[in-house]
Amino acid sequence: MTFTDSRIAASDTQGLDTDDSLRGGAVEVFGSAEDAKARSKYIQSVTKSMPMLAEYHYLDGPVLVRVSHYLTPQQAGEYEAALRG
């Protein structure tokens, strides 16, 4: 599931699909914590050479929350806090 964060400027996401995770982020739920961790590692390896696709990742068991790099670390951290709360 993707979500939009209104703190991201519309000019940053112009031309992106309405469900693009760069507009805010995405929540992915897996069958196990290991599967979620593997998915996170895969995405990070793919985006390592493409900084424009980098994102924040937060794991909690089988849940992976991916947050757009257009947010500040503090703003993105709010999603981590919500996940842990």
N, C-alpha and C. Protein backbone atom coordinates (compact mmCIF):
# COMPACT_ATOMS: atom_id res chain seq x y z
N MET A 1 0.84 -1.16 0.00
CA MET A 1 0.00 0.00 0.00
C MET A 1 0.90 1.24 0.00
N THR A 2 0.62 2.17 -0.86
CA THR A 2 1.37 3.42 -0.87
C THR A 2 0.56 4.52 -0.18
N PHE A 3 1.26 5.56 0.25
CA PHE A 3 0.59 6.69 0.87
C PHE A 3 1.27 7.98 0.45
N THR A 4 0.56 9.08 0.58
CA THR A 4 1.06 10.40 0.23
C THR A 4 1.27 11.20 1.51
N ASP A 5 2.34 11.98 1.53
CA ASP A 5 2.62 12.86 2.66
C ASP A 5 2.53 14.29 2.15
N SER A 6 1.64 15.07 2.71
CA SER A 6 1.41 16.44 2.23
C SER A 6 2.58 17.38 2.49
N ARG A 7 3.56 16.95 3.28
CA ARG A 7 4.73 17.79 3.53
C ARG A 7 5.72 17.77 2.36
N ILE A 8 5.50 16.89 1.41
CA ILE A 8 6.36 16.83 0.22
C ILE A 8 5.81 17.80 -0.80
N ALA A 9 6.67 18.66 -1.31
CA ALA A 9 6.24 19.67 -2.28
C ALA A 9 5.73 19.02 -3.56
N ALA A 10 4.64 19.55 -4.08
CA ALA A 10 4.07 19.03 -5.32
C ALA A 10 5.08 19.10 -6.46
N SER A 11 5.94 20.10 -6.44
CA SER A 11 6.95 20.23 -7.51
C SER A 11 7.95 19.08 -7.48
N ASP A 12 8.16 18.47 -6.31
CA ASP A 12 9.09 17.33 -6.21
C ASP A 12 8.52 16.06 -6.83
N THR A 13 7.21 15.97 -6.87
CA THR A 13 6.58 14.73 -7.34
C THR A 13 5.85 14.91 -8.67
N GLN A 14 6.03 16.05 -9.28
CA GLN A 14 5.36 16.31 -10.56
C GLN A 14 5.73 15.24 -11.57
N GLY A 15 4.73 14.69 -12.23
CA GLY A 15 4.95 13.68 -13.25
C GLY A 15 4.98 12.25 -12.74
N LEU A 16 4.98 12.07 -11.42
CA LEU A 16 4.97 10.72 -10.86
C LEU A 16 3.55 10.16 -10.86
N ASP A 17 3.45 8.84 -10.95
CA ASP A 17 2.15 8.20 -10.82
C ASP A 17 1.56 8.52 -9.45
N THR A 18 0.25 8.51 -9.35
CA THR A 18 -0.40 8.85 -8.09
C THR A 18 -0.08 7.85 -6.99
N ASP A 19 0.30 6.63 -7.34
CA ASP A 19 0.63 5.63 -6.33
C ASP A 19 2.13 5.43 -6.15
N ASP A 20 2.95 6.35 -6.63
CA ASP A 20 4.40 6.24 -6.49
C ASP A 20 4.79 6.48 -5.03
N SER A 21 5.63 5.61 -4.49
CA SER A 21 6.03 5.74 -3.09
C SER A 21 6.85 7.00 -2.81
N LEU A 22 7.41 7.63 -3.82
CA LEU A 22 8.14 8.88 -3.61
C LEU A 22 7.22 10.00 -3.16
N ARG A 23 5.92 9.84 -3.34
CA ARG A 23 4.95 10.85 -2.90
C ARG A 23 4.77 10.82 -1.38
N GLY A 24 5.28 9.80 -0.74
CA GLY A 24 5.14 9.66 0.72
C GLY A 24 5.84 8.41 1.19
N GLY A 25 5.33 7.29 0.73
CA GLY A 25 5.95 6.03 1.13
C GLY A 25 5.07 4.84 0.82
N ALA A 26 5.44 3.72 1.41
CA ALA A 26 4.71 2.48 1.20
C ALA A 26 4.83 1.60 2.44
N VAL A 27 3.82 0.80 2.65
CA VAL A 27 3.83 -0.20 3.72
C VAL A 27 3.71 -1.56 3.04
N GLU A 28 4.66 -2.44 3.35
CA GLU A 28 4.65 -3.80 2.79
C GLU A 28 4.64 -4.79 3.94
N VAL A 29 3.78 -5.79 3.86
CA VAL A 29 3.67 -6.80 4.90
C VAL A 29 4.02 -8.16 4.29
N PHE A 30 4.88 -8.90 4.98
CA PHE A 30 5.38 -10.17 4.48
C PHE A 30 5.00 -11.31 5.41
N GLY A 31 5.24 -12.51 4.97
CA GLY A 31 4.92 -13.70 5.75
C GLY A 31 5.84 -13.89 6.94
N SER A 32 7.02 -13.29 6.90
CA SER A 32 7.97 -13.43 8.00
C SER A 32 8.87 -12.19 8.07
N ALA A 33 9.51 -12.03 9.24
CA ALA A 33 10.46 -10.93 9.42
C ALA A 33 11.65 -11.09 8.46
N GLU A 34 12.05 -12.32 8.21
CA GLU A 34 13.17 -12.58 7.31
C GLU A 34 12.85 -12.12 5.89
N ASP A 35 11.63 -12.36 5.45
CA ASP A 35 11.22 -11.93 4.11
C ASP A 35 11.21 -10.40 4.02
N ALA A 36 10.75 -9.73 5.07
CA ALA A 36 10.73 -8.27 5.07
C ALA A 36 12.16 -7.73 5.03
N LYS A 37 13.05 -8.33 5.79
CA LYS A 37 14.44 -7.90 5.81
C LYS A 37 15.10 -8.12 4.45
N ALA A 38 14.80 -9.25 3.82
CA ALA A 38 15.37 -9.53 2.50
C ALA A 38 14.88 -8.51 1.47
N ARG A 39 13.61 -8.15 1.54
CA ARG A 39 13.06 -7.15 0.62
C ARG A 39 13.74 -5.79 0.83
N SER A 40 13.92 -5.42 2.08
CA SER A 40 14.59 -4.15 2.39
C SER A 40 16.01 -4.14 1.84
N LYS A 41 16.73 -5.21 2.06
CA LYS A 41 18.11 -5.31 1.55
C LYS A 41 18.15 -5.24 0.04
N TYR A 42 17.20 -5.92 -0.62
CA TYR A 42 17.13 -5.90 -2.08
C TYR A 42 16.92 -4.47 -2.59
N ILE A 43 15.93 -3.78 -2.03
CA ILE A 43 15.63 -2.41 -2.48
C ILE A 43 16.84 -1.51 -2.26
N GLN A 44 17.48 -1.64 -1.11
CA GLN A 44 18.65 -0.81 -0.82
C GLN A 44 19.80 -1.09 -1.78
N SER A 45 19.95 -2.34 -2.18
CA SER A 45 21.03 -2.67 -3.12
C SER A 45 20.74 -2.10 -4.50
N VAL A 46 19.49 -2.09 -4.90
CA VAL A 46 19.10 -1.55 -6.21
C VAL A 46 19.24 -0.04 -6.23
N THR A 47 18.83 0.62 -5.15
CA THR A 47 18.83 2.08 -5.12
C THR A 47 20.19 2.67 -4.75
N LYS A 48 21.12 1.84 -4.32
CA LYS A 48 22.44 2.33 -3.91
C LYS A 48 23.12 3.13 -5.02
N SER A 49 22.96 2.69 -6.24
CA SER A 49 23.59 3.38 -7.37
C SER A 49 22.68 4.44 -8.00
N MET A 50 21.48 4.61 -7.44
CA MET A 50 20.52 5.59 -7.97
C MET A 50 19.99 6.45 -6.82
N PRO A 51 20.74 7.47 -6.41
CA PRO A 51 20.34 8.28 -5.26
C PRO A 51 18.95 8.89 -5.37
N MET A 52 18.48 9.13 -6.59
CA MET A 52 17.16 9.73 -6.74
C MET A 52 16.05 8.78 -6.32
N LEU A 53 16.38 7.51 -6.13
CA LEU A 53 15.39 6.53 -5.68
C LEU A 53 15.59 6.10 -4.23
N ALA A 54 16.60 6.66 -3.57
CA ALA A 54 16.88 6.29 -2.18
C ALA A 54 15.66 6.59 -1.30
N GLU A 55 15.56 5.85 -0.21
CA GLU A 55 14.43 6.04 0.69
C GLU A 55 14.82 5.55 2.07
N TYR A 56 14.03 5.93 3.05
CA TYR A 56 14.21 5.46 4.41
C TYR A 56 13.47 4.12 4.54
N HIS A 57 14.04 3.19 5.31
CA HIS A 57 13.40 1.90 5.55
C HIS A 57 13.30 1.65 7.05
N TYR A 58 12.14 1.21 7.47
CA TYR A 58 11.92 0.86 8.87
C TYR A 58 11.26 -0.52 8.92
N LEU A 59 11.86 -1.41 9.68
CA LEU A 59 11.37 -2.78 9.81
C LEU A 59 10.83 -3.03 11.21
N ASP A 60 9.75 -3.76 11.28
CA ASP A 60 9.22 -4.25 12.55
C ASP A 60 8.59 -5.60 12.26
N GLY A 61 9.33 -6.65 12.55
CA GLY A 61 8.86 -7.99 12.24
C GLY A 61 8.63 -8.13 10.75
N PRO A 62 7.43 -8.56 10.34
CA PRO A 62 7.15 -8.76 8.92
C PRO A 62 6.73 -7.50 8.17
N VAL A 63 6.80 -6.35 8.83
CA VAL A 63 6.34 -5.09 8.23
C VAL A 63 7.55 -4.24 7.83
N LEU A 64 7.53 -3.80 6.58
CA LEU A 64 8.53 -2.88 6.05
C LEU A 64 7.82 -1.58 5.68
N VAL A 65 8.26 -0.48 6.28
CA VAL A 65 7.73 0.83 5.92
C VAL A 65 8.83 1.55 5.16
N ARG A 66 8.50 1.95 3.94
CA ARG A 66 9.42 2.67 3.07
C ARG A 66 8.95 4.11 3.00
N VAL A 67 9.87 5.06 3.22
CA VAL A 67 9.50 6.47 3.29
C VAL A 67 10.35 7.26 2.29
N SER A 68 9.70 8.16 1.59
CA SER A 68 10.32 8.95 0.54
C SER A 68 11.52 9.76 1.04
N HIS A 69 12.53 9.85 0.19
CA HIS A 69 13.71 10.67 0.52
C HIS A 69 13.41 12.17 0.46
N TYR A 70 12.25 12.54 -0.02
CA TYR A 70 11.88 13.96 -0.04
C TYR A 70 11.56 14.48 1.35
N LEU A 71 11.37 13.59 2.30
CA LEU A 71 11.14 14.00 3.68
C LEU A 71 12.48 14.13 4.40
N THR A 72 12.52 14.98 5.41
CA THR A 72 13.72 15.13 6.21
C THR A 72 13.88 13.88 7.10
N PRO A 73 15.07 13.64 7.62
CA PRO A 73 15.22 12.51 8.54
C PRO A 73 14.27 12.59 9.73
N GLN A 74 14.03 13.78 10.24
CA GLN A 74 13.11 13.93 11.37
C GLN A 74 11.68 13.58 10.96
N GLN A 75 11.26 14.06 9.79
CA GLN A 75 9.91 13.75 9.32
C GLN A 75 9.76 12.26 9.08
N ALA A 76 10.75 11.65 8.43
CA ALA A 76 10.69 10.22 8.17
C ALA A 76 10.68 9.43 9.47
N GLY A 77 11.43 9.93 10.46
CA GLY A 77 11.48 9.26 11.76
C GLY A 77 10.13 9.19 12.45
N GLU A 78 9.23 10.10 12.09
CA GLU A 78 7.89 10.05 12.65
C GLU A 78 7.17 8.76 12.22
N TYR A 79 7.47 8.29 11.02
CA TYR A 79 6.88 7.03 10.57
C TYR A 79 7.46 5.85 11.36
N GLU A 80 8.75 5.93 11.64
CA GLU A 80 9.37 4.88 12.46
C GLU A 80 8.74 4.86 13.85
N ALA A 81 8.54 6.02 14.43
CA ALA A 81 7.93 6.09 15.76
C ALA A 81 6.51 5.51 15.74
N ALA A 82 5.77 5.81 14.69
CA ALA A 82 4.41 5.27 14.57
C ALA A 82 4.44 3.74 14.44
N LEU A 83 5.40 3.26 13.68
CA LEU A 83 5.53 1.81 13.49
C LEU A 83 5.85 1.12 14.82
N ARG A 84 6.70 1.72 15.58
CA ARG A 84 7.11 1.13 16.86
C ARG A 84 6.08 1.34 17.97
N GLY A 85 5.21 2.37 17.76
CA GLY A 85 4.23 2.72 18.80
C GLY A 85 3.07 1.82 18.78
